[in-house]
């Protein structure tokens, strides 16, 4: 409940500041690698959930 209230108070400038902090921490070259890893992880998760729900595995 408290987390939802915090999100309501974050404005566009706070997102810019958070983005700049991430850019300073990881550097410009590391961010695309992090996003690529995140994307592949999400893809693997979706594929695994599809395999689990497929009718072929229900025996």
N, C-alpha and C. Protein backbone atom coordinates (compact mmCIF):
# COMPACT_ATOMS: atom_id res chain seq x y z
N UNK A 1 0.82 -1.19 0.00
CA UNK A 1 0.00 0.00 0.00
C UNK A 1 0.87 1.26 0.00
N UNK A 2 1.93 1.25 0.79
CA UNK A 2 2.83 2.41 0.84
C UNK A 2 3.55 2.57 -0.49
N UNK A 3 3.91 1.44 -1.12
CA UNK A 3 4.64 1.49 -2.39
C UNK A 3 3.80 2.18 -3.47
N UNK A 4 2.49 1.93 -3.50
CA UNK A 4 1.63 2.57 -4.49
C UNK A 4 1.61 4.08 -4.29
N UNK A 5 1.62 4.55 -3.07
CA UNK A 5 1.62 5.98 -2.80
C UNK A 5 2.93 6.63 -3.22
N UNK A 6 4.03 5.92 -3.08
CA UNK A 6 5.33 6.46 -3.48
C UNK A 6 5.38 6.66 -5.00
N UNK A 7 4.83 5.72 -5.75
CA UNK A 7 4.83 5.82 -7.21
C UNK A 7 4.03 7.03 -7.66
N UNK A 8 2.97 7.37 -6.96
CA UNK A 8 2.16 8.52 -7.35
C UNK A 8 2.91 9.83 -7.19
N UNK A 9 3.88 9.90 -6.29
CA UNK A 9 4.60 11.13 -6.05
C UNK A 9 5.85 11.28 -6.91
N UNK A 10 6.17 10.29 -7.72
CA UNK A 10 7.34 10.39 -8.59
C UNK A 10 6.91 11.05 -9.89
N UNK A 11 7.55 12.17 -10.20
CA UNK A 11 7.23 12.92 -11.41
C UNK A 11 8.26 12.67 -12.50
N UNK A 12 8.10 13.35 -13.62
CA UNK A 12 9.02 13.14 -14.76
C UNK A 12 10.46 13.53 -14.44
N UNK A 13 10.67 14.56 -13.63
CA UNK A 13 12.03 14.96 -13.31
C UNK A 13 12.73 13.93 -12.44
N UNK A 14 11.97 13.27 -11.59
CA UNK A 14 12.58 12.22 -10.76
C UNK A 14 13.02 11.05 -11.63
N UNK A 15 12.23 10.72 -12.67
CA UNK A 15 12.63 9.65 -13.58
C UNK A 15 13.91 10.04 -14.33
N UNK A 16 14.03 11.29 -14.71
CA UNK A 16 15.25 11.75 -15.39
C UNK A 16 16.45 11.62 -14.46
N UNK A 17 16.29 12.01 -13.22
CA UNK A 17 17.39 11.92 -12.26
C UNK A 17 17.78 10.47 -12.02
N UNK A 18 16.80 9.58 -11.90
CA UNK A 18 17.08 8.15 -11.72
C UNK A 18 17.81 7.60 -12.94
N UNK A 19 17.36 8.00 -14.13
CA UNK A 19 18.01 7.55 -15.36
C UNK A 19 19.46 8.01 -15.45
N UNK A 20 19.70 9.26 -15.08
CA UNK A 20 21.08 9.77 -15.08
C UNK A 20 21.95 9.05 -14.06
N UNK A 21 21.39 8.74 -12.90
CA UNK A 21 22.15 8.01 -11.89
C UNK A 21 22.53 6.62 -12.40
N UNK A 22 21.59 5.95 -13.07
CA UNK A 22 21.89 4.63 -13.64
C UNK A 22 22.95 4.74 -14.71
N UNK A 23 22.85 5.78 -15.54
CA UNK A 23 23.85 5.99 -16.60
C UNK A 23 25.23 6.22 -16.00
N UNK A 24 25.31 6.97 -14.93
CA UNK A 24 26.60 7.22 -14.29
C UNK A 24 27.15 5.96 -13.62
N UNK A 25 26.27 5.16 -13.03
CA UNK A 25 26.73 3.95 -12.34
C UNK A 25 27.24 2.88 -13.31
N UNK A 26 26.49 2.65 -14.38
CA UNK A 26 26.82 1.55 -15.28
C UNK A 26 27.58 1.98 -16.52
N UNK A 27 27.49 3.21 -16.92
CA UNK A 27 28.16 3.68 -18.12
C UNK A 27 27.33 3.40 -19.36
N UNK A 28 27.61 4.14 -20.41
CA UNK A 28 26.83 4.03 -21.64
C UNK A 28 27.00 2.71 -22.37
N UNK A 29 28.15 2.07 -22.23
CA UNK A 29 28.40 0.83 -22.96
C UNK A 29 27.76 -0.37 -22.28
N UNK A 30 27.54 -0.30 -20.99
CA UNK A 30 27.03 -1.44 -20.24
C UNK A 30 25.50 -1.55 -20.32
N UNK A 31 24.81 -0.43 -20.49
CA UNK A 31 23.35 -0.44 -20.47
C UNK A 31 22.75 -1.29 -21.60
N UNK A 32 23.21 -1.19 -22.86
CA UNK A 32 22.64 -2.08 -23.89
C UNK A 32 22.84 -3.56 -23.58
N UNK A 33 23.98 -3.91 -22.98
CA UNK A 33 24.21 -5.30 -22.60
C UNK A 33 23.23 -5.74 -21.52
N UNK A 34 22.96 -4.86 -20.55
CA UNK A 34 22.01 -5.18 -19.49
C UNK A 34 20.60 -5.36 -20.06
N UNK A 35 20.21 -4.50 -20.99
CA UNK A 35 18.87 -4.60 -21.59
C UNK A 35 18.75 -5.85 -22.45
N UNK A 36 19.83 -6.22 -23.13
CA UNK A 36 19.81 -7.44 -23.94
C UNK A 36 19.65 -8.65 -23.04
N UNK A 37 20.35 -8.69 -21.93
CA UNK A 37 20.21 -9.78 -20.97
C UNK A 37 18.82 -9.84 -20.37
N UNK A 38 18.25 -8.68 -20.07
CA UNK A 38 16.90 -8.62 -19.52
C UNK A 38 15.89 -9.14 -20.55
N UNK A 39 16.04 -8.72 -21.79
CA UNK A 39 15.14 -9.17 -22.85
C UNK A 39 15.21 -10.67 -23.08
N UNK A 40 16.41 -11.23 -23.08
CA UNK A 40 16.54 -12.67 -23.28
C UNK A 40 15.98 -13.44 -22.09
N UNK A 41 16.13 -12.88 -20.90
CA UNK A 41 15.55 -13.53 -19.72
C UNK A 41 14.04 -13.56 -19.77
N UNK A 42 13.43 -12.46 -20.21
CA UNK A 42 11.97 -12.41 -20.34
C UNK A 42 11.50 -13.38 -21.41
N UNK A 43 12.24 -13.46 -22.51
CA UNK A 43 11.87 -14.38 -23.59
C UNK A 43 11.93 -15.83 -23.11
N UNK A 44 12.97 -16.19 -22.38
CA UNK A 44 13.08 -17.54 -21.84
C UNK A 44 11.95 -17.85 -20.87
N UNK A 45 11.59 -16.87 -20.05
CA UNK A 45 10.49 -17.06 -19.10
C UNK A 45 9.18 -17.30 -19.84
N UNK A 46 8.91 -16.54 -20.89
CA UNK A 46 7.68 -16.71 -21.67
C UNK A 46 7.67 -18.08 -22.34
N UNK A 47 8.81 -18.48 -22.91
CA UNK A 47 8.89 -19.79 -23.57
C UNK A 47 8.66 -20.91 -22.57
N UNK A 48 9.22 -20.80 -21.39
CA UNK A 48 9.05 -21.83 -20.37
C UNK A 48 7.60 -21.89 -19.90
N UNK A 49 6.95 -20.76 -19.77
CA UNK A 49 5.55 -20.77 -19.33
C UNK A 49 4.65 -21.32 -20.42
N UNK A 50 4.98 -21.10 -21.70
CA UNK A 50 4.20 -21.67 -22.79
C UNK A 50 4.35 -23.18 -22.82
N UNK A 51 5.56 -23.67 -22.59
CA UNK A 51 5.79 -25.11 -22.58
C UNK A 51 5.02 -25.78 -21.45
N UNK A 52 4.95 -25.12 -20.32
CA UNK A 52 4.25 -25.68 -19.17
C UNK A 52 2.75 -25.75 -19.43
N UNK A 53 2.19 -24.77 -20.13
CA UNK A 53 0.75 -24.71 -20.38
C UNK A 53 0.32 -25.46 -21.64
N UNK A 54 1.27 -25.93 -22.43
CA UNK A 54 0.89 -26.58 -23.68
C UNK A 54 0.16 -27.90 -23.41
N UNK A 55 -0.82 -28.26 -24.27
CA UNK A 55 -1.60 -29.47 -24.05
C UNK A 55 -0.78 -30.75 -24.21
N UNK A 56 0.39 -30.66 -24.90
CA UNK A 56 1.20 -31.85 -25.09
C UNK A 56 1.78 -32.36 -23.77
N UNK A 57 2.06 -31.43 -22.84
CA UNK A 57 2.66 -31.82 -21.57
C UNK A 57 1.63 -32.28 -20.55
N UNK A 58 0.36 -32.08 -20.82
CA UNK A 58 -0.68 -32.49 -19.88
C UNK A 58 -1.04 -33.95 -20.13
N UNK A 59 -0.56 -34.81 -19.30
CA UNK A 59 -0.83 -36.25 -19.46
C UNK A 59 -1.46 -36.82 -18.22
